[in-house]
Amino acid sequence: MNINLALAPLVSLIAGILILIMPRLLNYIVAIYLILIGLIGLFGAGRLTI
């Protein structure tokens, strides 16, 4: 059984929920999100197979 999990949408969902819960963290969440998306793009780990 293969489960394909895309990382970018998952990270976006978590970041959105955190911003809704704690709006003060917006700058940190955006910075971490951009760093993670950049790393995912550089290393080509856009999809994990579990």
PDB file of N, CA and C in Angstrom:
ATOM      1  N   MET A   1       0.839  -1.177   0.000  1.00  0.00           N
ATOM      2  CA  MET A   1       0.000   0.000   0.000  1.00  0.00           C
ATOM      3  C   MET A   1       0.880   1.235   0.000  1.00  0.00           C
ATOM      4  N   ASN A   2       0.682   2.111  -0.974  1.00  0.00           N
ATOM      5  CA  ASN A   2       1.454   3.344  -1.072  1.00  0.00           C
ATOM      6  C   ASN A   2       0.585   4.537  -0.707  1.00  0.00           C
ATOM      7  N   ILE A   3       1.117   5.401   0.120  1.00  0.00           N
ATOM      8  CA  ILE A   3       0.444   6.647   0.462  1.00  0.00           C
ATOM      9  C   ILE A   3       1.347   7.776   0.012  1.00  0.00           C
ATOM     10  N   ASN A   4       0.875   8.592  -0.917  1.00  0.00           N
ATOM     11  CA  ASN A   4       1.666   9.722  -1.377  1.00  0.00           C
ATOM     12  C   ASN A   4       1.314  10.943  -0.544  1.00  0.00           C
ATOM     13  N   LEU A   5       2.326  11.562   0.024  1.00  0.00           N
ATOM     14  CA  LEU A   5       2.118  12.707   0.892  1.00  0.00           C
ATOM     15  C   LEU A   5       2.927  13.872   0.346  1.00  0.00           C
ATOM     16  N   ALA A   6       2.244  14.923  -0.093  1.00  0.00           N
ATOM     17  CA  ALA A   6       2.923  16.111  -0.579  1.00  0.00           C
ATOM     18  C   ALA A   6       3.229  17.006   0.618  1.00  0.00           C
ATOM     19  N   LEU A   7       4.467  17.432   0.743  1.00  0.00           N
ATOM     20  CA  LEU A   7       4.886  18.195   1.909  1.00  0.00           C
ATOM     21  C   LEU A   7       4.422  19.643   1.890  1.00  0.00           C
ATOM     22  N   ALA A   8       4.457  20.292   0.747  1.00  0.00           N
ATOM     23  CA  ALA A   8       4.115  21.714   0.679  1.00  0.00           C
ATOM     24  C   ALA A   8       2.694  22.003   1.159  1.00  0.00           C
ATOM     25  N   PRO A   9       1.678  21.269   0.699  1.00  0.00           N
ATOM     26  CA  PRO A   9       0.327  21.549   1.198  1.00  0.00           C
ATOM     27  C   PRO A   9       0.178  21.258   2.695  1.00  0.00           C
ATOM     28  N   LEU A  10       0.871  20.239   3.180  1.00  0.00           N
ATOM     29  CA  LEU A  10       0.809  19.907   4.598  1.00  0.00           C
ATOM     30  C   LEU A  10       1.426  21.016   5.445  1.00  0.00           C
ATOM     31  N   VAL A  11       2.570  21.527   5.023  1.00  0.00           N
ATOM     32  CA  VAL A  11       3.223  22.628   5.735  1.00  0.00           C
ATOM     33  C   VAL A  11       2.341  23.868   5.689  1.00  0.00           C
ATOM     34  N   SER A  12       1.716  24.135   4.554  1.00  0.00           N
ATOM     35  CA  SER A  12       0.822  25.289   4.423  1.00  0.00           C
ATOM     36  C   SER A  12      -0.366  25.178   5.369  1.00  0.00           C
ATOM     37  N   LEU A  13      -0.939  24.005   5.462  1.00  0.00           N
ATOM     38  CA  LEU A  13      -2.080  23.790   6.341  1.00  0.00           C
ATOM     39  C   LEU A  13      -1.702  24.022   7.799  1.00  0.00           C
ATOM     40  N   ILE A  14      -0.594  23.473   8.219  1.00  0.00           N
ATOM     41  CA  ILE A  14      -0.138  23.660   9.603  1.00  0.00           C
ATOM     42  C   ILE A  14       0.152  25.129   9.876  1.00  0.00           C
ATOM     43  N   ALA A  15       0.805  25.808   8.944  1.00  0.00           N
ATOM     44  CA  ALA A  15       1.115  27.227   9.131  1.00  0.00           C
ATOM     45  C   ALA A  15      -0.173  28.050   9.230  1.00  0.00           C
ATOM     46  N   GLY A  16      -1.150  27.752   8.404  1.00  0.00           N
ATOM     47  CA  GLY A  16      -2.423  28.477   8.448  1.00  0.00           C
ATOM     48  C   GLY A  16      -3.145  28.291   9.770  1.00  0.00           C
ATOM     49  N   ILE A  17      -3.143  27.080  10.276  1.00  0.00           N
ATOM     50  CA  ILE A  17      -3.789  26.810  11.561  1.00  0.00           C
ATOM     51  C   ILE A  17      -3.076  27.553  12.678  1.00  0.00           C
ATOM     52  N   LEU A  18      -1.751  27.540  12.663  1.00  0.00           N
ATOM     53  CA  LEU A  18      -0.995  28.246  13.705  1.00  0.00           C
ATOM     54  C   LEU A  18      -1.235  29.746  13.655  1.00  0.00           C
ATOM     55  N   ILE A  19      -1.353  30.304  12.452  1.00  0.00           N
ATOM     56  CA  ILE A  19      -1.619  31.744  12.324  1.00  0.00           C
ATOM     57  C   ILE A  19      -3.006  32.069  12.871  1.00  0.00           C
ATOM     58  N   LEU A  20      -3.977  31.202  12.624  1.00  0.00           N
ATOM     59  CA  LEU A  20      -5.315  31.436  13.164  1.00  0.00           C
ATOM     60  C   LEU A  20      -5.328  31.380  14.688  1.00  0.00           C
ATOM     61  N   ILE A  21      -4.560  30.453  15.246  1.00  0.00           N
ATOM     62  CA  ILE A  21      -4.544  30.289  16.699  1.00  0.00           C
ATOM     63  C   ILE A  21      -3.747  31.405  17.372  1.00  0.00           C
ATOM     64  N   MET A  22      -2.591  31.730  16.823  1.00  0.00           N
ATOM     65  CA  MET A  22      -1.701  32.715  17.429  1.00  0.00           C
ATOM     66  C   MET A  22      -1.212  33.701  16.379  1.00  0.00           C
ATOM     67  N   PRO A  23      -1.987  34.754  16.086  1.00  0.00           N
ATOM     68  CA  PRO A  23      -1.616  35.693  15.021  1.00  0.00           C
ATOM     69  C   PRO A  23      -0.273  36.398  15.255  1.00  0.00           C
ATOM     70  N   ARG A  24       0.189  36.491  16.492  1.00  0.00           N
ATOM     71  CA  ARG A  24       1.475  37.145  16.753  1.00  0.00           C
ATOM     72  C   ARG A  24       2.650  36.394  16.122  1.00  0.00           C
ATOM     73  N   LEU A  25       2.472  35.109  15.865  1.00  0.00           N
ATOM     74  CA  LEU A  25       3.549  34.300  15.312  1.00  0.00           C
ATOM     75  C   LEU A  25       3.672  34.413  13.796  1.00  0.00           C
ATOM     76  N   LEU A  26       2.911  35.310  13.191  1.00  0.00           N
ATOM     77  CA  LEU A  26       2.854  35.382  11.730  1.00  0.00           C
ATOM     78  C   LEU A  26       4.237  35.510  11.092  1.00  0.00           C
ATOM     79  N   ASN A  27       5.072  36.425  11.595  1.00  0.00           N
ATOM     80  CA  ASN A  27       6.396  36.617  10.992  1.00  0.00           C
ATOM     81  C   ASN A  27       7.240  35.353  11.059  1.00  0.00           C
ATOM     82  N   TYR A  28       7.233  34.694  12.210  1.00  0.00           N
ATOM     83  CA  TYR A  28       8.036  33.478  12.368  1.00  0.00           C
ATOM     84  C   TYR A  28       7.501  32.341  11.501  1.00  0.00           C
ATOM     85  N   ILE A  29       6.186  32.208  11.466  1.00  0.00           N
ATOM     86  CA  ILE A  29       5.590  31.125  10.678  1.00  0.00           C
ATOM     87  C   ILE A  29       5.868  31.320   9.191  1.00  0.00           C
ATOM     88  N   VAL A  30       5.750  32.555   8.715  1.00  0.00           N
ATOM     89  CA  VAL A  30       6.031  32.825   7.296  1.00  0.00           C
ATOM     90  C   VAL A  30       7.496  32.549   6.983  1.00  0.00           C
ATOM     91  N   ALA A  31       8.381  32.973   7.866  1.00  0.00           N
ATOM     92  CA  ALA A  31       9.814  32.739   7.641  1.00  0.00           C
ATOM     93  C   ALA A  31      10.124  31.245   7.610  1.00  0.00           C
ATOM     94  N   ILE A  32       9.605  30.501   8.575  1.00  0.00           N
ATOM     95  CA  ILE A  32       9.854  29.056   8.613  1.00  0.00           C
ATOM     96  C   ILE A  32       9.247  28.379   7.395  1.00  0.00           C
ATOM     97  N   TYR A  33       8.042  28.806   7.003  1.00  0.00           N
ATOM     98  CA  TYR A  33       7.391  28.229   5.828  1.00  0.00           C
ATOM     99  C   TYR A  33       8.245  28.438   4.575  1.00  0.00           C
ATOM    100  N   LEU A  34       8.725  29.657   4.392  1.00  0.00           N
ATOM    101  CA  LEU A  34       9.539  29.939   3.208  1.00  0.00           C
ATOM    102  C   LEU A  34      10.826  29.136   3.203  1.00  0.00           C
ATOM    103  N   ILE A  35      11.454  28.994   4.351  1.00  0.00           N
ATOM    104  CA  ILE A  35      12.675  28.197   4.452  1.00  0.00           C
ATOM    105  C   ILE A  35      12.379  26.739   4.111  1.00  0.00           C
ATOM    106  N   LEU A  36      11.306  26.188   4.672  1.00  0.00           N
ATOM    107  CA  LEU A  36      10.966  24.785   4.396  1.00  0.00           C
ATOM    108  C   LEU A  36      10.636  24.555   2.932  1.00  0.00           C
ATOM    109  N   ILE A  37       9.863  25.454   2.329  1.00  0.00           N
ATOM    110  CA  ILE A  37       9.523  25.304   0.913  1.00  0.00           C
ATOM    111  C   ILE A  37      10.781  25.395   0.049  1.00  0.00           C
ATOM    112  N   GLY A  38      11.687  26.291   0.422  1.00  0.00           N
ATOM    113  CA  GLY A  38      12.949  26.400  -0.310  1.00  0.00           C
ATOM    114  C   GLY A  38      13.774  25.126  -0.216  1.00  0.00           C
ATOM    115  N   LEU A  39      13.847  24.558   0.984  1.00  0.00           N
ATOM    116  CA  LEU A  39      14.604  23.313   1.163  1.00  0.00           C
ATOM    117  C   LEU A  39      13.955  22.156   0.417  1.00  0.00           C
ATOM    118  N   ILE A  40      12.630  22.097   0.453  1.00  0.00           N
ATOM    119  CA  ILE A  40      11.923  21.047  -0.285  1.00  0.00           C
ATOM    120  C   ILE A  40      12.204  21.175  -1.779  1.00  0.00           C
ATOM    121  N   GLY A  41      12.192  22.396  -2.278  1.00  0.00           N
ATOM    122  CA  GLY A  41      12.470  22.619  -3.702  1.00  0.00           C
ATOM    123  C   GLY A  41      13.905  22.276  -4.079  1.00  0.00           C
ATOM    124  N   LEU A  42      14.849  22.635  -3.217  1.00  0.00           N
ATOM    125  CA  LEU A  42      16.256  22.371  -3.516  1.00  0.00           C
ATOM    126  C   LEU A  42      16.590  20.886  -3.511  1.00  0.00           C
ATOM    127  N   PHE A  43      16.069  20.182  -2.543  1.00  0.00           N
ATOM    128  CA  PHE A  43      16.433  18.777  -2.407  1.00  0.00           C
ATOM    129  C   PHE A  43      15.474  17.832  -3.108  1.00  0.00           C
ATOM    130  N   GLY A  44      14.437  18.373  -3.739  1.00  0.00           N
ATOM    131  CA  GLY A  44      13.537  17.545  -4.537  1.00  0.00           C
ATOM    132  C   GLY A  44      12.695  16.574  -3.718  1.00  0.00           C
ATOM    133  N   ALA A  45      12.436  16.901  -2.469  1.00  0.00           N
ATOM    134  CA  ALA A  45      11.640  16.011  -1.615  1.00  0.00           C
ATOM    135  C   ALA A  45      10.192  16.466  -1.602  1.00  0.00           C
ATOM    136  N   GLY A  46       9.665  16.814  -2.750  1.00  0.00           N
ATOM    137  CA  GLY A  46       8.296  17.303  -2.824  1.00  0.00           C
ATOM    138  C   GLY A  46       7.264  16.238  -2.506  1.00  0.00           C
ATOM    139  N   ARG A  47       7.638  14.983  -2.696  1.00  0.00           N
ATOM    140  CA  ARG A  47       6.715  13.888  -2.400  1.00  0.00           C
ATOM    141  C   ARG A  47       7.441  12.790  -1.644  1.00  0.00           C
ATOM    142  N   LEU A  48       6.815  12.337  -0.597  1.00  0.00           N
ATOM    143  CA  LEU A  48       7.334  11.195   0.161  1.00  0.00           C
ATOM    144  C   LEU A  48       6.421  10.006  -0.077  1.00  0.00           C
ATOM    145  N   THR A  49       6.980   8.840  -0.215  1.00  0.00           N
ATOM    146  CA  THR A  49       6.186   7.635  -0.325  1.00  0.00           C
ATOM    147  C   THR A  49       6.316   6.853   0.966  1.00  0.00           C
ATOM    148  N   ILE A  50       5.190   6.673   1.601  1.00  0.00           N
ATOM    149  CA  ILE A  50       5.183   5.961   2.890  1.00  0.00           C
ATOM    150  C   ILE A  50       4.520   4.616   2.696  1.00  0.00           C
TER     151      ILE A  50
END
